[in-house]
Amino acid sequence: IIVCNFTPIPREKYRIGVPRAGQYKEIFNSDAKKYGGSGMSNTMRKTAKKPWHGHNNSIEISIPPLGMVIFH
């Protein structure tokens, strides 16, 4: 799952639909301190049985301002 935020406003508790139930791990975050960012990140996210974006399951994530996160 790749999510981009092209605004200067951080998005917290942002819900996205996901294709499968289970857990999602953040594997890349452009706002990580090692890239010069603020360090806004996500822990492991467990899906909710809440339909969203045409999928039966969803997760809530934080998206850094002007940033991108990737989950697997």
N, C-alpha and C. Protein backbone atom coordinates (compact mmCIF):
# COMPACT_ATOMS: atom_id res chain seq x y z
N ILE A 1 0.85 -1.16 0.00
CA ILE A 1 0.00 0.00 0.00
C ILE A 1 0.91 1.23 0.00
N ILE A 2 0.72 2.13 -0.93
CA ILE A 2 1.49 3.37 -1.00
C ILE A 2 0.53 4.54 -0.82
N VAL A 3 0.85 5.43 0.13
CA VAL A 3 0.00 6.59 0.40
C VAL A 3 0.88 7.84 0.39
N CYS A 4 0.44 8.86 -0.35
CA CYS A 4 1.18 10.12 -0.44
C CYS A 4 0.33 11.27 0.09
N ASN A 5 0.99 12.22 0.71
CA ASN A 5 0.34 13.43 1.19
C ASN A 5 1.04 14.61 0.53
N PHE A 6 0.38 15.26 -0.41
CA PHE A 6 0.98 16.37 -1.13
C PHE A 6 0.61 17.72 -0.53
N THR A 7 0.17 17.72 0.74
CA THR A 7 -0.16 18.96 1.42
C THR A 7 0.82 19.18 2.57
N PRO A 8 0.95 20.42 3.06
CA PRO A 8 1.85 20.67 4.18
C PRO A 8 1.23 20.36 5.55
N ILE A 9 0.10 19.66 5.55
CA ILE A 9 -0.63 19.35 6.78
C ILE A 9 -0.52 17.85 7.07
N PRO A 10 -0.04 17.47 8.27
CA PRO A 10 0.00 16.03 8.60
C PRO A 10 -1.42 15.48 8.71
N ARG A 11 -1.60 14.26 8.28
CA ARG A 11 -2.91 13.59 8.36
C ARG A 11 -2.81 12.45 9.36
N GLU A 12 -3.47 12.61 10.49
CA GLU A 12 -3.47 11.56 11.51
C GLU A 12 -4.83 10.88 11.52
N LYS A 13 -4.83 9.62 11.90
CA LYS A 13 -6.06 8.80 11.91
C LYS A 13 -6.75 8.83 10.54
N TYR A 14 -5.95 8.76 9.48
CA TYR A 14 -6.46 8.76 8.12
C TYR A 14 -6.79 7.32 7.74
N ARG A 15 -8.03 7.06 7.40
CA ARG A 15 -8.48 5.70 7.11
C ARG A 15 -8.33 5.40 5.62
N ILE A 16 -7.77 4.22 5.35
CA ILE A 16 -7.66 3.74 3.97
C ILE A 16 -8.17 2.31 3.89
N GLY A 17 -8.78 1.98 2.78
CA GLY A 17 -9.21 0.61 2.53
C GLY A 17 -8.01 -0.25 2.15
N VAL A 18 -8.02 -1.50 2.58
CA VAL A 18 -6.93 -2.43 2.27
C VAL A 18 -7.49 -3.73 1.71
N PRO A 19 -6.72 -4.40 0.85
CA PRO A 19 -7.23 -5.57 0.14
C PRO A 19 -7.36 -6.85 0.95
N ARG A 20 -6.66 -6.92 2.11
CA ARG A 20 -6.75 -8.15 2.90
C ARG A 20 -6.79 -7.83 4.39
N ALA A 21 -7.39 -8.71 5.14
CA ALA A 21 -7.43 -8.57 6.60
C ALA A 21 -6.10 -8.99 7.18
N GLY A 22 -5.79 -8.49 8.36
CA GLY A 22 -4.55 -8.87 9.03
C GLY A 22 -3.82 -7.66 9.56
N GLN A 23 -2.49 -7.71 9.49
CA GLN A 23 -1.66 -6.61 9.98
C GLN A 23 -0.84 -6.03 8.84
N TYR A 24 -0.61 -4.73 8.93
CA TYR A 24 0.20 -4.03 7.95
C TYR A 24 1.34 -3.33 8.65
N LYS A 25 2.54 -3.49 8.09
CA LYS A 25 3.75 -2.91 8.67
C LYS A 25 4.25 -1.80 7.76
N GLU A 26 4.60 -0.67 8.35
CA GLU A 26 5.19 0.41 7.58
C GLU A 26 6.61 -0.01 7.20
N ILE A 27 6.91 -0.04 5.88
CA ILE A 27 8.24 -0.45 5.44
C ILE A 27 9.04 0.72 4.87
N PHE A 28 8.39 1.85 4.62
CA PHE A 28 9.09 3.06 4.18
C PHE A 28 8.31 4.27 4.63
N ASN A 29 9.04 5.30 5.08
CA ASN A 29 8.42 6.55 5.48
C ASN A 29 9.39 7.67 5.10
N SER A 30 9.00 8.53 4.19
CA SER A 30 9.89 9.60 3.73
C SER A 30 10.17 10.63 4.81
N ASP A 31 9.41 10.60 5.91
CA ASP A 31 9.58 11.55 7.00
C ASP A 31 10.49 10.99 8.12
N ALA A 32 11.11 9.86 7.87
CA ALA A 32 12.00 9.26 8.88
C ALA A 32 13.18 10.20 9.16
N LYS A 33 13.66 10.16 10.38
CA LYS A 33 14.78 11.02 10.78
C LYS A 33 16.02 10.78 9.91
N LYS A 34 16.21 9.54 9.48
CA LYS A 34 17.40 9.25 8.66
C LYS A 34 17.36 9.94 7.30
N TYR A 35 16.18 10.41 6.89
CA TYR A 35 16.05 11.18 5.65
C TYR A 35 15.92 12.68 5.92
N GLY A 36 16.11 13.08 7.17
CA GLY A 36 16.01 14.49 7.53
C GLY A 36 14.61 14.93 7.92
N GLY A 37 13.71 13.97 8.14
CA GLY A 37 12.33 14.29 8.50
C GLY A 37 12.12 14.44 9.99
N SER A 38 10.86 14.61 10.36
CA SER A 38 10.52 14.83 11.77
C SER A 38 10.39 13.53 12.56
N GLY A 39 10.27 12.41 11.87
CA GLY A 39 10.15 11.13 12.55
C GLY A 39 8.72 10.66 12.78
N MET A 40 7.74 11.33 12.18
CA MET A 40 6.34 10.88 12.29
C MET A 40 6.25 9.50 11.63
N SER A 41 5.78 8.51 12.38
CA SER A 41 5.75 7.15 11.83
C SER A 41 4.54 6.37 12.32
N ASN A 42 4.40 5.16 11.81
CA ASN A 42 3.30 4.27 12.16
C ASN A 42 3.85 2.98 12.75
N THR A 43 3.18 2.48 13.78
CA THR A 43 3.48 1.17 14.31
C THR A 43 2.72 0.15 13.46
N MET A 44 2.82 -1.10 13.81
CA MET A 44 2.06 -2.14 13.12
C MET A 44 0.58 -1.79 13.19
N ARG A 45 -0.12 -1.90 12.09
CA ARG A 45 -1.55 -1.58 12.04
C ARG A 45 -2.36 -2.82 11.78
N LYS A 46 -3.35 -3.06 12.64
CA LYS A 46 -4.26 -4.20 12.48
C LYS A 46 -5.52 -3.70 11.78
N THR A 47 -6.03 -4.50 10.85
CA THR A 47 -7.21 -4.08 10.09
C THR A 47 -8.47 -4.09 10.94
N ALA A 48 -9.39 -3.23 10.54
CA ALA A 48 -10.73 -3.20 11.14
C ALA A 48 -11.70 -3.70 10.08
N LYS A 49 -12.72 -4.41 10.49
CA LYS A 49 -13.74 -4.90 9.57
C LYS A 49 -14.69 -3.74 9.26
N LYS A 50 -14.12 -2.69 8.68
CA LYS A 50 -14.87 -1.48 8.35
C LYS A 50 -14.64 -1.20 6.86
N PRO A 51 -15.66 -1.39 6.03
CA PRO A 51 -15.49 -1.16 4.59
C PRO A 51 -15.07 0.28 4.29
N TRP A 52 -14.10 0.39 3.33
CA TRP A 52 -13.59 1.71 2.95
C TRP A 52 -12.94 1.60 1.58
N HIS A 53 -13.10 2.58 0.75
CA HIS A 53 -12.49 2.61 -0.58
C HIS A 53 -12.76 1.34 -1.38
N GLY A 54 -13.93 0.76 -1.24
CA GLY A 54 -14.28 -0.43 -2.00
C GLY A 54 -13.70 -1.73 -1.47
N HIS A 55 -13.08 -1.70 -0.30
CA HIS A 55 -12.53 -2.90 0.31
C HIS A 55 -13.32 -3.22 1.59
N ASN A 56 -13.31 -4.49 2.00
CA ASN A 56 -14.04 -4.90 3.20
C ASN A 56 -13.33 -4.54 4.50
N ASN A 57 -12.03 -4.26 4.42
CA ASN A 57 -11.23 -3.95 5.60
C ASN A 57 -10.51 -2.63 5.41
N SER A 58 -10.13 -2.03 6.54
CA SER A 58 -9.41 -0.75 6.47
C SER A 58 -8.48 -0.61 7.67
N ILE A 59 -7.56 0.36 7.57
CA ILE A 59 -6.66 0.69 8.66
C ILE A 59 -6.61 2.21 8.79
N GLU A 60 -6.25 2.67 9.98
CA GLU A 60 -6.03 4.09 10.21
C GLU A 60 -4.53 4.32 10.31
N ILE A 61 -4.04 5.32 9.58
CA ILE A 61 -2.62 5.60 9.56
C ILE A 61 -2.36 7.09 9.76
N SER A 62 -1.10 7.41 10.00
CA SER A 62 -0.65 8.80 10.03
C SER A 62 0.20 9.02 8.79
N ILE A 63 -0.07 10.12 8.09
CA ILE A 63 0.69 10.45 6.89
C ILE A 63 1.40 11.78 7.13
N PRO A 64 2.73 11.79 7.03
CA PRO A 64 3.45 13.03 7.29
C PRO A 64 3.17 14.09 6.22
N PRO A 65 3.35 15.37 6.57
CA PRO A 65 3.15 16.42 5.58
C PRO A 65 4.18 16.30 4.46
N LEU A 66 3.71 16.50 3.23
CA LEU A 66 4.59 16.42 2.05
C LEU A 66 5.41 15.14 2.07
N GLY A 67 4.75 14.05 2.44
CA GLY A 67 5.47 12.79 2.59
C GLY A 67 4.76 11.60 1.98
N MET A 68 5.43 10.45 2.09
CA MET A 68 4.90 9.21 1.56
C MET A 68 5.21 8.08 2.52
N VAL A 69 4.26 7.16 2.66
CA VAL A 69 4.46 5.96 3.47
C VAL A 69 4.10 4.73 2.64
N ILE A 70 4.79 3.65 2.91
CA ILE A 70 4.52 2.38 2.21
C ILE A 70 4.31 1.31 3.27
N PHE A 71 3.26 0.52 3.09
CA PHE A 71 2.93 -0.58 4.01
C PHE A 71 2.96 -1.90 3.26
N HIS A 72 3.29 -2.96 3.99
CA HIS A 72 3.26 -4.32 3.45
C HIS A 72 2.57 -5.21 4.46
